[in-house]
Protein backbone atom coordinates (compact mmCIF):
# COMPACT_ATOMS: atom_id res chain seq x y z
CA MET A 1 144.10 -22.62 -138.04
CA ALA A 2 146.69 -19.82 -138.14
CA SER A 3 148.76 -19.28 -135.02
CA ILE A 4 149.86 -15.83 -133.89
CA HIS A 5 153.49 -15.51 -132.89
CA LEU A 6 154.25 -12.98 -130.13
CA SER A 7 157.93 -13.47 -129.35
CA GLY A 8 158.76 -9.79 -129.94
CA ARG A 9 157.30 -6.60 -128.54
CA GLY A 10 155.98 -3.95 -130.85
CA ILE A 11 153.46 -3.28 -133.60
CA LEU A 12 152.00 -6.44 -135.12
CA ALA A 13 152.69 -7.02 -138.81
CA ALA A 14 150.19 -8.00 -141.49
CA HIS A 15 150.80 -11.76 -141.21
CA GLN A 16 150.23 -11.53 -137.45
CA ILE A 17 146.97 -9.65 -138.04
CA GLU A 18 145.89 -12.43 -140.40
CA ALA A 19 146.73 -14.96 -137.70
CA MET A 20 144.65 -12.99 -135.17
CA ALA A 21 141.67 -13.27 -137.49
CA GLY A 22 142.34 -16.97 -137.92
CA GLU A 23 142.23 -17.43 -134.15
CA GLY A 24 139.01 -15.43 -133.77
CA LEU A 25 140.69 -12.46 -132.08
CA ILE A 26 139.43 -10.25 -134.92
CA ARG A 27 135.88 -11.05 -135.97
CA PRO A 28 134.77 -9.48 -139.27
CA ASP A 29 131.09 -9.62 -140.20
CA GLU A 30 132.22 -10.29 -143.77
CA PRO A 31 135.50 -11.68 -145.14
CA PHE A 32 138.29 -9.13 -145.37
CA ALA A 33 138.35 -7.09 -148.57
CA PRO A 34 141.45 -7.07 -150.83
CA GLY A 35 144.05 -4.68 -149.43
CA GLN A 36 142.26 -4.28 -146.11
CA ILE A 37 145.25 -5.60 -144.18
CA GLN A 38 148.14 -3.15 -144.52
CA PRO A 39 151.78 -3.88 -143.53
CA ALA A 40 151.20 -2.76 -139.94
CA SER A 41 147.48 -2.03 -139.64
CA LEU A 42 143.96 -3.15 -140.47
CA ASP A 43 141.46 -0.93 -142.25
CA LEU A 44 138.07 -0.80 -140.53
CA ARG A 45 134.88 -0.92 -142.60
CA LEU A 46 131.57 0.82 -141.99
CA SER A 47 128.60 -1.49 -141.57
CA ALA A 48 125.15 -0.64 -142.90
CA ARG A 49 124.03 0.94 -139.59
CA ALA A 50 124.79 4.51 -138.57
CA TRP A 51 123.13 7.17 -136.45
CA ARG A 52 122.96 10.95 -136.49
CA MET A 53 123.89 12.09 -132.98
CA ARG A 54 123.04 15.16 -130.94
CA ALA A 55 126.65 15.37 -129.78
CA SER A 56 129.89 13.49 -129.47
CA PHE A 57 130.26 11.26 -126.42
CA LEU A 58 132.40 8.74 -124.58
CA PRO A 59 130.63 5.85 -122.86
CA GLY A 60 132.77 5.73 -119.72
CA LEU A 61 133.13 2.71 -117.50
CA GLY A 62 129.46 2.02 -116.94
CA ARG A 63 127.92 2.14 -120.44
CA THR A 64 128.09 0.46 -123.81
CA VAL A 65 128.12 2.41 -127.05
CA ALA A 66 124.70 0.96 -127.90
CA GLN A 67 123.27 2.43 -124.68
CA CYS A 68 124.71 5.84 -125.55
CA ILE A 69 123.29 5.66 -129.07
CA GLU A 70 119.86 4.93 -127.64
CA ASN A 71 120.07 8.02 -125.43
CA VAL A 72 121.81 10.52 -127.73
CA SER A 73 120.91 9.60 -131.32
CA LEU A 74 118.45 11.60 -133.42
CA HIS A 75 117.72 8.97 -136.06
CA GLU A 76 119.18 5.86 -137.69
CA ILE A 77 120.74 5.94 -141.17
CA ASP A 78 120.94 3.06 -143.61
CA LEU A 79 124.36 2.97 -145.31
CA SER A 80 123.68 -0.14 -147.37
CA LYS A 81 123.12 1.93 -150.53
CA GLY A 82 125.03 5.01 -149.42
CA ALA A 83 124.03 8.12 -147.52
CA VAL A 84 125.18 11.74 -147.35
CA LEU A 85 126.96 12.76 -144.16
CA GLU A 86 126.73 16.53 -143.78
CA THR A 87 129.35 18.94 -142.48
CA GLY A 88 129.01 20.10 -138.90
CA CYS A 89 127.11 16.98 -137.87
CA VAL A 90 128.18 14.07 -135.68
CA TYR A 91 127.49 10.50 -136.75
CA VAL A 92 128.29 7.14 -135.21
CA ALA A 93 128.58 4.05 -137.41
CA GLU A 94 128.84 0.45 -136.37
CA LEU A 95 131.94 -1.19 -137.87
CA MET A 96 132.11 -4.60 -139.50
CA GLU A 97 135.05 -5.66 -137.33
CA SER A 98 134.74 -6.65 -133.69
CA LEU A 99 137.51 -7.82 -131.36
CA ALA A 100 138.25 -10.41 -128.72
CA LEU A 101 141.75 -9.34 -127.73
CA PRO A 102 143.94 -11.41 -125.43
CA PRO A 103 145.29 -9.67 -122.31
CA GLU A 104 148.71 -9.06 -123.88
CA ILE A 105 147.48 -7.19 -126.99
CA ALA A 106 146.14 -3.61 -127.06
CA ALA A 107 145.21 -1.50 -130.08
CA ALA A 108 145.03 2.10 -131.27
CA ALA A 109 143.07 3.60 -134.16
CA ASN A 110 143.50 6.61 -136.41
CA PRO A 111 141.89 8.10 -139.50
CA LYS A 112 143.28 6.75 -142.76
CA SER A 113 145.45 9.23 -144.66
CA SER A 114 142.77 9.77 -147.29
CA THR A 115 140.19 10.50 -144.58
CA GLY A 116 142.32 13.16 -142.91
CA ARG A 117 143.12 14.82 -146.22
CA ILE A 118 139.45 15.56 -146.89
CA ASP A 119 138.94 16.93 -143.35
CA VAL A 120 136.71 14.15 -142.10
CA PHE A 121 137.18 13.85 -138.35
CA THR A 122 136.76 10.23 -137.31
CA ARG A 123 137.52 8.39 -134.06
CA VAL A 124 136.97 4.82 -132.94
CA ILE A 125 134.86 4.14 -129.83
CA THR A 126 134.54 0.95 -127.79
CA ASP A 127 132.18 -0.09 -125.03
CA TYR A 128 133.11 1.32 -121.60
CA SER A 129 135.85 3.50 -123.13
CA ARG A 130 137.12 6.68 -121.49
CA GLU A 131 139.32 7.69 -124.43
CA PHE A 132 138.84 7.81 -128.19
CA ASP A 133 140.94 5.62 -130.48
CA LEU A 134 142.56 3.61 -127.66
CA ILE A 135 141.46 -0.01 -127.27
CA GLU A 136 142.49 -1.63 -124.02
CA ALA A 137 144.31 -4.95 -123.91
CA GLY A 138 141.82 -7.79 -123.55
CA TYR A 139 138.88 -5.80 -124.99
CA THR A 140 136.03 -7.94 -126.32
CA GLY A 141 133.19 -6.29 -128.22
CA ARG A 142 132.12 -4.28 -131.22
CA LEU A 143 133.89 -1.26 -132.63
CA TYR A 144 132.19 1.97 -133.66
CA ALA A 145 133.37 5.03 -135.58
CA GLU A 146 132.41 8.59 -134.77
CA ILE A 147 132.38 10.55 -138.03
CA SER A 148 132.16 14.32 -138.42
CA PRO A 149 132.85 15.89 -141.83
CA ARG A 150 134.36 19.33 -141.19
CA THR A 151 134.66 20.93 -144.64
CA PHE A 152 133.19 18.71 -147.36
CA PRO A 153 129.97 16.67 -147.22
CA ILE A 154 130.70 13.05 -148.04
CA LEU A 155 128.87 10.11 -149.55
CA ALA A 156 129.61 6.99 -147.50
CA ARG A 157 128.31 3.46 -147.76
CA ALA A 158 128.72 0.12 -146.04
CA GLY A 159 132.23 -1.18 -146.61
CA ALA A 160 133.86 2.27 -146.73
CA ARG A 161 137.20 2.37 -144.94
CA LEU A 162 137.70 5.63 -143.04
CA SER A 163 139.74 4.40 -140.05
CA GLN A 164 142.54 1.93 -139.40
CA VAL A 165 143.73 0.12 -136.31
CA ARG A 166 147.15 -1.04 -135.12
CA PHE A 167 147.74 -3.84 -132.64
CA ARG A 168 150.53 -3.65 -130.04
CA HIS A 169 152.27 -6.28 -127.98
CA GLY A 170 153.93 -4.48 -125.08
CA HIS A 171 155.70 -1.12 -125.20
CA ALA A 172 158.04 -0.49 -128.12
CA ARG A 173 157.89 3.28 -128.67
CA LEU A 174 161.34 4.81 -128.99
CA ASP A 175 162.63 7.39 -126.53
CA ASP A 176 164.88 10.26 -127.61
CA ALA A 177 168.01 8.12 -127.38
CA GLY A 178 166.32 5.44 -129.48
CA HIS A 179 165.32 7.99 -132.12
CA LEU A 180 168.87 9.35 -132.25
CA ALA A 181 170.32 5.86 -132.68
CA LEU A 182 167.78 4.92 -135.37
CA HIS A 183 168.42 8.17 -137.26
CA ALA A 184 172.16 7.54 -137.15
CA ARG A 185 171.52 4.11 -138.67
CA GLU A 186 168.74 4.89 -141.14
CA LYS A 187 168.58 8.70 -141.69
CA LEU A 188 164.91 9.05 -140.87
CA VAL A 189 164.57 12.58 -142.31
CA THR A 190 166.74 14.57 -144.71
CA SER A 191 167.55 17.30 -142.19
CA ALA A 192 171.28 17.57 -141.53
CA GLU A 193 170.72 17.76 -137.78
CA PRO A 194 167.05 17.07 -136.97
CA SER A 195 165.47 18.19 -133.74
CA ILE A 196 164.71 15.08 -131.70
CA GLN A 197 162.63 15.74 -128.62
CA GLY A 198 159.62 13.51 -128.09
CA GLY A 199 160.00 12.41 -131.71
CA VAL A 200 161.71 13.60 -134.88
CA ALA A 201 160.77 17.15 -135.87
CA VAL A 202 159.06 17.79 -139.20
CA SER A 203 159.00 21.32 -140.65
CA ILE A 204 156.85 23.03 -143.26
CA ASP A 205 157.89 23.71 -146.86
CA LEU A 206 156.67 27.06 -148.14
CA SER A 207 159.25 27.39 -150.93
CA GLY A 208 157.35 25.57 -153.70
CA PHE A 209 157.10 22.03 -155.09
CA GLY A 210 158.09 20.47 -158.39
CA GLY A 211 159.84 23.57 -159.69
CA THR A 212 156.70 25.69 -159.20
CA THR A 213 155.54 28.20 -156.60
CA LEU A 214 152.74 25.87 -155.42
CA ILE A 215 153.03 25.28 -151.65
CA GLY A 216 149.64 23.85 -150.72
CA TYR A 217 145.87 24.01 -150.92
CA ARG A 218 143.11 25.70 -148.95
CA ALA A 219 139.76 23.94 -148.85
CA LYS A 220 136.78 25.70 -150.43
CA ARG A 221 133.45 25.98 -148.67
CA HIS A 222 130.00 25.02 -149.99
CA THR A 223 131.27 22.39 -152.40
CA GLY A 224 129.68 19.27 -153.82
CA LEU A 225 129.91 15.79 -152.34
CA ILE A 226 133.03 13.68 -152.07
CA ASP A 227 132.35 10.00 -152.64
CA VAL A 228 134.80 8.35 -150.26
CA ASP A 229 134.96 5.13 -152.31
CA LYS A 230 135.79 6.66 -155.69
CA LEU A 231 139.38 7.22 -156.83
CA ALA A 232 140.34 10.21 -158.98
CA ALA A 233 136.67 11.11 -159.36
CA HIS A 234 136.69 14.79 -158.40
CA ASP A 235 138.29 17.84 -159.96
CA VAL A 236 140.80 19.57 -157.68
CA LEU A 237 139.63 23.10 -158.41
CA ASP A 238 136.03 22.28 -157.49
CA PHE A 239 137.16 21.69 -153.91
CA TRP A 240 140.54 23.38 -153.41
CA GLU A 241 142.17 26.76 -153.87
CA PRO A 242 145.87 26.41 -154.74
CA ILE A 243 148.25 28.47 -152.60
CA HIS A 244 151.49 29.85 -154.05
CA ALA A 245 154.69 30.91 -152.31
CA ARG A 246 154.72 34.48 -151.03
CA GLY A 247 157.17 34.10 -148.17
CA ASP A 248 155.17 33.23 -145.08
CA LEU A 249 151.59 31.93 -144.89
CA VAL A 250 148.81 33.31 -142.69
CA LEU A 251 146.49 30.58 -141.46
CA ASP A 252 142.94 31.89 -141.22
CA PRO A 253 140.96 30.61 -138.21
CA GLY A 254 138.72 27.67 -139.06
CA GLU A 255 140.17 27.13 -142.52
CA PHE A 256 141.63 23.80 -143.59
CA TYR A 257 144.96 23.51 -145.41
CA ILE A 258 146.95 20.76 -147.07
CA LEU A 259 150.69 21.46 -146.85
CA ALA A 260 153.79 19.27 -146.94
CA SER A 261 156.99 18.78 -145.02
CA LYS A 262 160.34 20.21 -146.06
CA GLU A 263 162.01 16.95 -145.08
CA ALA A 264 161.71 13.70 -146.95
CA VAL A 265 160.71 11.03 -144.44
CA ARG A 266 161.85 7.41 -144.23
CA VAL A 267 160.33 4.59 -142.18
CA PRO A 268 162.64 1.55 -142.13
CA PRO A 269 161.11 -1.91 -142.58
CA ASP A 270 161.50 -2.90 -138.92
CA HIS A 271 159.69 0.18 -137.59
CA ALA A 272 156.43 2.08 -137.97
CA ALA A 273 155.82 5.75 -137.20
CA GLU A 274 153.06 8.10 -136.16
CA MET A 275 152.68 11.86 -136.60
CA THR A 276 151.82 13.27 -133.20
CA PRO A 277 149.60 16.34 -132.72
CA PHE A 278 151.69 19.48 -132.50
CA ASP A 279 152.38 21.07 -129.12
CA PRO A 280 149.86 23.92 -128.73
CA LEU A 281 152.38 25.85 -126.62
CA VAL A 282 154.37 26.57 -129.79
CA GLY A 283 151.54 28.09 -131.82
CA GLU A 284 147.81 28.50 -132.21
CA PHE A 285 147.49 25.86 -134.89
CA ARG A 286 147.50 22.11 -135.13
CA VAL A 287 148.53 19.41 -137.54
CA HIS A 288 145.29 17.94 -136.40
CA TYR A 289 145.07 14.39 -137.67
CA ALA A 290 147.69 12.12 -136.18
CA GLY A 291 148.64 9.70 -138.93
CA PHE A 292 150.18 6.26 -139.29
CA PHE A 293 153.28 5.72 -141.43
CA ASP A 294 153.69 2.06 -142.41
CA PRO A 295 157.01 0.19 -142.55
CA GLY A 296 158.71 1.00 -145.83
CA PHE A 297 157.17 4.47 -146.27
CA GLY A 298 159.74 6.42 -148.28
CA ALA A 299 162.27 3.59 -147.95
CA ALA A 300 164.51 2.31 -150.73
CA GLU A 301 163.59 -1.28 -149.82
CA ALA A 302 160.02 -0.52 -150.94
CA GLY A 303 160.90 1.44 -154.07
CA GLY A 304 160.95 4.84 -152.40
CA ALA A 305 163.66 7.45 -152.09
CA GLY A 306 162.14 9.41 -149.24
CA ALA A 307 158.64 10.87 -149.27
CA ARG A 308 157.25 14.11 -147.90
CA ALA A 309 154.82 14.02 -145.02
CA VAL A 310 151.57 15.62 -146.14
CA LEU A 311 150.14 17.72 -143.33
CA GLU A 312 146.53 18.59 -142.58
CA VAL A 313 146.68 21.95 -140.84
CA ARG A 314 144.06 24.09 -139.12
CA SER A 315 144.47 27.29 -137.13
CA HIS A 316 142.53 27.68 -133.90
CA ASP A 317 140.84 30.87 -132.72
CA VAL A 318 143.31 33.44 -134.06
CA PRO A 319 145.22 33.90 -137.33
CA PHE A 320 148.71 32.40 -137.19
CA ILE A 321 151.73 33.03 -139.42
CA LEU A 322 153.70 30.00 -140.62
CA GLU A 323 157.20 30.53 -141.97
CA ASP A 324 159.21 28.32 -144.28
CA GLY A 325 161.09 25.72 -142.26
CA GLN A 326 158.98 26.13 -139.11
CA ILE A 327 158.50 22.94 -137.07
CA VAL A 328 154.89 21.77 -137.29
CA GLY A 329 154.89 18.19 -136.02
CA ARG A 330 156.95 15.28 -134.77
CA LEU A 331 157.25 11.70 -135.96
CA VAL A 332 157.37 9.08 -133.24
CA TYR A 333 158.84 5.73 -134.26
CA GLU A 334 157.96 2.35 -132.81
CA ARG A 335 159.50 -1.07 -133.29
CA MET A 336 157.64 -3.80 -135.17
CA ALA A 337 157.06 -7.06 -133.30
CA GLU A 338 158.14 -8.78 -136.52
CA ALA A 339 159.22 -7.41 -139.87
CA PRO A 340 156.27 -7.37 -142.29
CA ARG A 341 156.49 -9.63 -145.31
CA MET A 342 155.22 -6.84 -147.58
CA LEU A 343 156.26 -3.20 -147.21
CA TYR A 344 154.31 -0.02 -147.90
CA GLY A 345 154.55 0.74 -151.60
CA ALA A 346 156.13 -2.60 -152.57
CA GLY A 347 153.49 -3.99 -154.91
CA LEU A 348 150.57 -2.96 -152.69
CA GLY A 349 149.27 -0.17 -154.91
CA SER A 350 149.97 2.29 -152.09
CA ASN A 351 148.59 5.72 -152.92
CA TYR A 352 151.19 7.91 -151.24
CA GLN A 353 154.61 6.24 -151.66
CA ALA A 354 157.27 8.70 -152.91
CA GLN A 355 154.71 11.51 -152.55
CA GLY A 356 155.45 15.21 -152.60
CA LEU A 357 152.58 17.64 -152.08
CA LYS A 358 149.61 15.34 -152.74
CA LEU A 359 145.89 15.63 -152.16
CA SER A 360 143.83 12.58 -151.26
CA LYS A 361 143.25 9.78 -153.75
CA HIS A 362 139.75 11.10 -154.46
CA PHE A 363 141.03 13.92 -156.74
CA ARG A 364 142.33 13.80 -160.28
C-alpha cells in the first residue's frame, strides 16, 4: 500500500494525492480516470445523481447535504446518459470522490479553468459545512457540487470534471515579504516593479493580442448547448462576440467577458498559485472565479516561457470602465509540501500552457 509522506508543509503534490488514495483517505466510487490527478490537485467527477434545487444553501453545523437536498430539492436528475443544466437554475450533484481526511490535512476546491471560462458557477459542499469550497481537516464524508450555469446551458453527464480540489498540510501561503523574495528569485510576472500587497498584482491588457486588435470576448445570450466533455466541438462565433481595442472597455452589468492579463505569469515548480477575487473597494466588477495555477504554469522547466492569466470578468450593478493596465486581480503563491514529479504542461497535455488570450477547450 502507498504511504503518504508529510515531512513538509504546503500543497500536496500528485504523488502524495495518489498515496492518499492508496491509504483510503480519498475514496473514489470508480478508479481514477487518466489525467484526473494534476500536479497539485485532483479533479472531481460528477456521479449519476443530481438534483434541481429551489435555492443555494449551506448545511451548517447540524445538517448533512443529503438532509438539505431532501428539504430543498425540486426533483432528481439522472446524469448517467447526460442531462441539460439550464441557465439561472441551481443544481446539486453528488461527486464520485469522498474523503476520510486525517486531522493534519485540510482541502479547498475551485472550479476548473475550463468551467470558469464558460461561466458555470460551481462550488463544493460538504456535510455540516458553513463555507463553500473549504473542507476542514479531518473531514470524513461525501462531496457534492453546486452547479449554476450563468450564461450558457450545458450538457453534463456522470464523470464530467467541473471542479478540482487541493490538499494542504499546514499553512504555507506566502506573505508580502515571501512574495517579494520569490519574485526576486523567480520573476513571477513580467512587470518591472509589480505591486505586491496581499499577492502579486495582475493587470488587464486592452492593447490587442497576437498583432491584432482583439482584446477579449463577450458572451452571447440565448445560445445552444455546450457539452462539457467535448473538446474543440463548438464554433467560437456561435457563443462569443469578439471585442477589439478602442482604448478603454465599458463592462455592461450582468455581461460576461473573457479577457487576459498584460503580464506573463510564472509559477515555479516548488510553488502553486491562486487568483484571488478582486477587492470590490477598487471597482464595481469582479474577476469572479478564483482559479488554481499548477506548479510549472508558464515556467521554462515545463516548456513554457510565461503565460497570460485568462480572466473571467463580470460587472456588478453598474457599468464600469476598465483601462489598459488596470489592476484586476492578485496571484497568491503557496509552497508545495513536495515538488511534483510532473509539472503543468510537461507532457500532461495541459490545455492552457503558454496561453495568450484563450477561450475554454470546448471551442475550436
